[in-house]
N, C-alpha and C. Protein backbone atom coordinates (compact mmCIF):
# COMPACT_ATOMS: atom_id res chain seq x y z
N MET A 1 -66.33 41.82 81.75
CA MET A 1 -66.28 41.47 80.34
C MET A 1 -67.54 41.92 79.63
N LEU A 2 -68.66 41.79 80.27
CA LEU A 2 -69.93 42.24 79.69
C LEU A 2 -69.92 43.75 79.48
N LEU A 3 -69.34 44.48 80.41
CA LEU A 3 -69.26 45.93 80.27
C LEU A 3 -68.39 46.33 79.09
N MET A 4 -67.36 45.61 78.82
CA MET A 4 -66.50 45.91 77.69
C MET A 4 -67.25 45.70 76.38
N LEU A 5 -68.04 44.67 76.30
CA LEU A 5 -68.82 44.42 75.08
C LEU A 5 -69.85 45.53 74.86
N ILE A 6 -70.49 45.97 75.90
CA ILE A 6 -71.46 47.05 75.77
C ILE A 6 -70.76 48.33 75.34
N GLY A 7 -69.60 48.61 75.90
CA GLY A 7 -68.83 49.79 75.51
C GLY A 7 -68.45 49.78 74.05
N ILE A 8 -68.06 48.65 73.55
CA ILE A 8 -67.69 48.52 72.14
C ILE A 8 -68.92 48.72 71.26
N THR A 9 -70.04 48.15 71.66
CA THR A 9 -71.27 48.29 70.89
C THR A 9 -71.71 49.75 70.81
N MET A 10 -71.64 50.46 71.93
CA MET A 10 -72.03 51.87 71.93
C MET A 10 -71.09 52.67 71.04
N THR A 11 -69.83 52.38 71.08
CA THR A 11 -68.87 53.11 70.25
C THR A 11 -69.16 52.85 68.77
N ASP A 12 -69.40 51.61 68.41
CA ASP A 12 -69.73 51.29 67.03
C ASP A 12 -71.00 52.00 66.60
N TYR A 13 -72.00 52.01 67.46
CA TYR A 13 -73.27 52.68 67.16
C TYR A 13 -73.04 54.17 66.93
N GLU A 14 -72.26 54.80 67.79
CA GLU A 14 -72.00 56.23 67.66
C GLU A 14 -71.24 56.54 66.37
N ILE A 15 -70.30 55.68 66.02
CA ILE A 15 -69.55 55.88 64.78
C ILE A 15 -70.48 55.77 63.58
N LYS A 16 -71.33 54.76 63.56
CA LYS A 16 -72.27 54.59 62.45
C LYS A 16 -73.24 55.75 62.37
N LYS A 17 -73.72 56.22 63.52
CA LYS A 17 -74.66 57.34 63.55
C LYS A 17 -74.00 58.58 62.97
N LYS A 18 -72.78 58.87 63.37
CA LYS A 18 -72.06 60.05 62.88
C LYS A 18 -71.79 59.91 61.39
N THR A 19 -71.37 58.75 60.96
CA THR A 19 -71.08 58.52 59.54
C THR A 19 -72.33 58.70 58.71
N THR A 20 -73.45 58.18 59.15
CA THR A 20 -74.70 58.31 58.43
C THR A 20 -75.09 59.78 58.30
N PHE A 21 -74.94 60.54 59.37
CA PHE A 21 -75.27 61.96 59.34
C PHE A 21 -74.39 62.69 58.33
N GLU A 22 -73.10 62.38 58.30
CA GLU A 22 -72.19 63.04 57.37
C GLU A 22 -72.53 62.69 55.93
N VAL A 23 -72.91 61.46 55.67
CA VAL A 23 -73.29 61.05 54.32
C VAL A 23 -74.56 61.77 53.90
N ASP A 24 -75.56 61.84 54.77
CA ASP A 24 -76.80 62.53 54.46
C ASP A 24 -76.54 64.01 54.21
N ARG A 25 -75.67 64.59 54.99
CA ARG A 25 -75.36 66.00 54.84
C ARG A 25 -74.69 66.26 53.49
N LYS A 26 -73.81 65.38 53.09
CA LYS A 26 -73.14 65.52 51.80
C LYS A 26 -74.16 65.44 50.67
N SER A 27 -75.10 64.53 50.76
CA SER A 27 -76.12 64.39 49.74
C SER A 27 -76.95 65.66 49.63
N GLU A 28 -77.26 66.26 50.76
CA GLU A 28 -78.04 67.49 50.76
C GLU A 28 -77.25 68.62 50.11
N ALA A 29 -75.97 68.69 50.38
CA ALA A 29 -75.12 69.72 49.78
C ALA A 29 -75.03 69.52 48.27
N GLU A 30 -74.93 68.28 47.85
CA GLU A 30 -74.88 68.00 46.42
C GLU A 30 -76.18 68.40 45.74
N LYS A 31 -77.29 68.12 46.39
CA LYS A 31 -78.59 68.51 45.84
C LYS A 31 -78.70 70.02 45.72
N ASP A 32 -78.24 70.74 46.73
CA ASP A 32 -78.27 72.20 46.69
C ASP A 32 -77.41 72.73 45.56
N LEU A 33 -76.25 72.12 45.36
CA LEU A 33 -75.35 72.55 44.29
C LEU A 33 -75.98 72.30 42.92
N GLU A 34 -76.59 71.15 42.75
CA GLU A 34 -77.26 70.85 41.48
C GLU A 34 -78.41 71.82 41.23
N ASP A 35 -79.17 72.14 42.27
CA ASP A 35 -80.28 73.06 42.15
C ASP A 35 -79.78 74.45 41.74
N ALA A 36 -78.70 74.88 42.35
CA ALA A 36 -78.12 76.19 42.01
C ALA A 36 -77.64 76.20 40.57
N ALA A 37 -77.01 75.12 40.13
CA ALA A 37 -76.53 75.03 38.76
C ALA A 37 -77.70 75.07 37.78
N ASP A 38 -78.79 74.39 38.10
CA ASP A 38 -79.98 74.41 37.24
C ASP A 38 -80.54 75.83 37.13
N LYS A 39 -80.55 76.55 38.23
CA LYS A 39 -81.07 77.92 38.21
C LYS A 39 -80.18 78.84 37.37
N VAL A 40 -78.88 78.67 37.47
CA VAL A 40 -77.96 79.48 36.68
C VAL A 40 -78.14 79.19 35.19
N GLN A 41 -78.26 77.92 34.84
CA GLN A 41 -78.47 77.56 33.44
C GLN A 41 -79.79 78.12 32.92
N ALA A 42 -80.84 78.01 33.73
CA ALA A 42 -82.14 78.53 33.32
C ALA A 42 -82.07 80.04 33.13
N GLY A 43 -81.38 80.73 34.03
CA GLY A 43 -81.23 82.18 33.91
C GLY A 43 -80.47 82.57 32.66
N ALA A 44 -79.40 81.85 32.36
CA ALA A 44 -78.60 82.13 31.16
C ALA A 44 -79.42 81.92 29.89
N LYS A 45 -80.19 80.86 29.86
CA LYS A 45 -81.03 80.60 28.69
C LYS A 45 -82.12 81.64 28.56
N ALA A 46 -82.69 82.09 29.67
CA ALA A 46 -83.72 83.11 29.64
C ALA A 46 -83.16 84.43 29.11
N VAL A 47 -81.95 84.78 29.53
CA VAL A 47 -81.32 86.01 29.03
C VAL A 47 -81.04 85.88 27.53
N ALA A 48 -80.57 84.72 27.10
CA ALA A 48 -80.32 84.51 25.67
C ALA A 48 -81.61 84.66 24.87
N ASN A 49 -82.71 84.13 25.38
CA ASN A 49 -84.00 84.27 24.70
C ASN A 49 -84.44 85.73 24.66
N LYS A 50 -84.17 86.45 25.73
CA LYS A 50 -84.53 87.88 25.80
C LYS A 50 -83.72 88.68 24.79
N VAL A 51 -82.44 88.33 24.63
CA VAL A 51 -81.59 89.03 23.66
C VAL A 51 -82.08 88.76 22.24
N ARG A 52 -82.47 87.52 21.96
CA ARG A 52 -82.99 87.17 20.63
C ARG A 52 -84.28 87.90 20.32
N ASP A 53 -85.15 88.01 21.32
CA ASP A 53 -86.45 88.66 21.14
C ASP A 53 -86.70 89.60 22.31
N PRO A 54 -86.38 90.89 22.16
CA PRO A 54 -86.50 91.85 23.26
C PRO A 54 -87.93 92.03 23.80
N ASN A 55 -88.93 91.58 23.08
CA ASN A 55 -90.31 91.73 23.53
C ASN A 55 -90.71 90.66 24.55
N LYS A 56 -89.90 89.64 24.71
CA LYS A 56 -90.22 88.57 25.68
C LYS A 56 -89.97 89.05 27.10
N ASP A 57 -90.80 88.55 28.01
CA ASP A 57 -90.65 88.87 29.42
C ASP A 57 -89.57 87.98 30.03
N LEU A 58 -88.58 88.58 30.67
CA LEU A 58 -87.45 87.83 31.21
C LEU A 58 -87.89 86.86 32.30
N ASN A 59 -88.79 87.27 33.18
CA ASN A 59 -89.25 86.39 34.27
C ASN A 59 -89.98 85.17 33.71
N THR A 60 -90.82 85.39 32.71
CA THR A 60 -91.56 84.27 32.10
C THR A 60 -90.59 83.30 31.44
N GLU A 61 -89.62 83.83 30.73
CA GLU A 61 -88.62 82.97 30.09
C GLU A 61 -87.82 82.18 31.13
N TYR A 62 -87.47 82.83 32.22
CA TYR A 62 -86.74 82.14 33.29
C TYR A 62 -87.56 80.99 33.85
N GLN A 63 -88.83 81.23 34.12
CA GLN A 63 -89.70 80.18 34.67
C GLN A 63 -89.81 79.00 33.71
N LYS A 64 -89.94 79.29 32.42
CA LYS A 64 -90.01 78.22 31.41
C LYS A 64 -88.72 77.38 31.41
N GLU A 65 -87.59 78.07 31.39
CA GLU A 65 -86.30 77.38 31.35
C GLU A 65 -86.04 76.62 32.64
N LYS A 66 -86.48 77.15 33.77
CA LYS A 66 -86.29 76.47 35.06
C LYS A 66 -87.04 75.14 35.06
N ILE A 67 -88.24 75.16 34.52
CA ILE A 67 -89.03 73.92 34.45
C ILE A 67 -88.34 72.91 33.53
N LYS A 68 -87.82 73.39 32.40
CA LYS A 68 -87.11 72.49 31.48
C LYS A 68 -85.88 71.88 32.15
N GLU A 69 -85.13 72.68 32.92
CA GLU A 69 -83.93 72.19 33.58
C GLU A 69 -84.26 71.13 34.62
N LYS A 70 -85.39 71.25 35.29
CA LYS A 70 -85.76 70.24 36.30
C LYS A 70 -86.03 68.89 35.66
N PHE A 71 -86.55 68.89 34.44
CA PHE A 71 -86.89 67.63 33.78
C PHE A 71 -85.74 67.06 32.98
N ASP A 72 -84.68 67.82 32.76
CA ASP A 72 -83.51 67.31 32.00
C ASP A 72 -82.64 66.47 32.87
């Protein structure tokens, strides 16, 4: 009977461990997706600024917009 209780406890532990890993992994994927979306938005805004004023440096504009996207 004691062995059965230990077996159940180990199974529950393994299930919780696997579930926790999957949840953490999903959170990381969501963060990566949000980061990619921020970069795309910053790039689009930088290109729009470059079109409005052709003398602006595209890389500088991108860096400015990327910083703004992180704080929004």
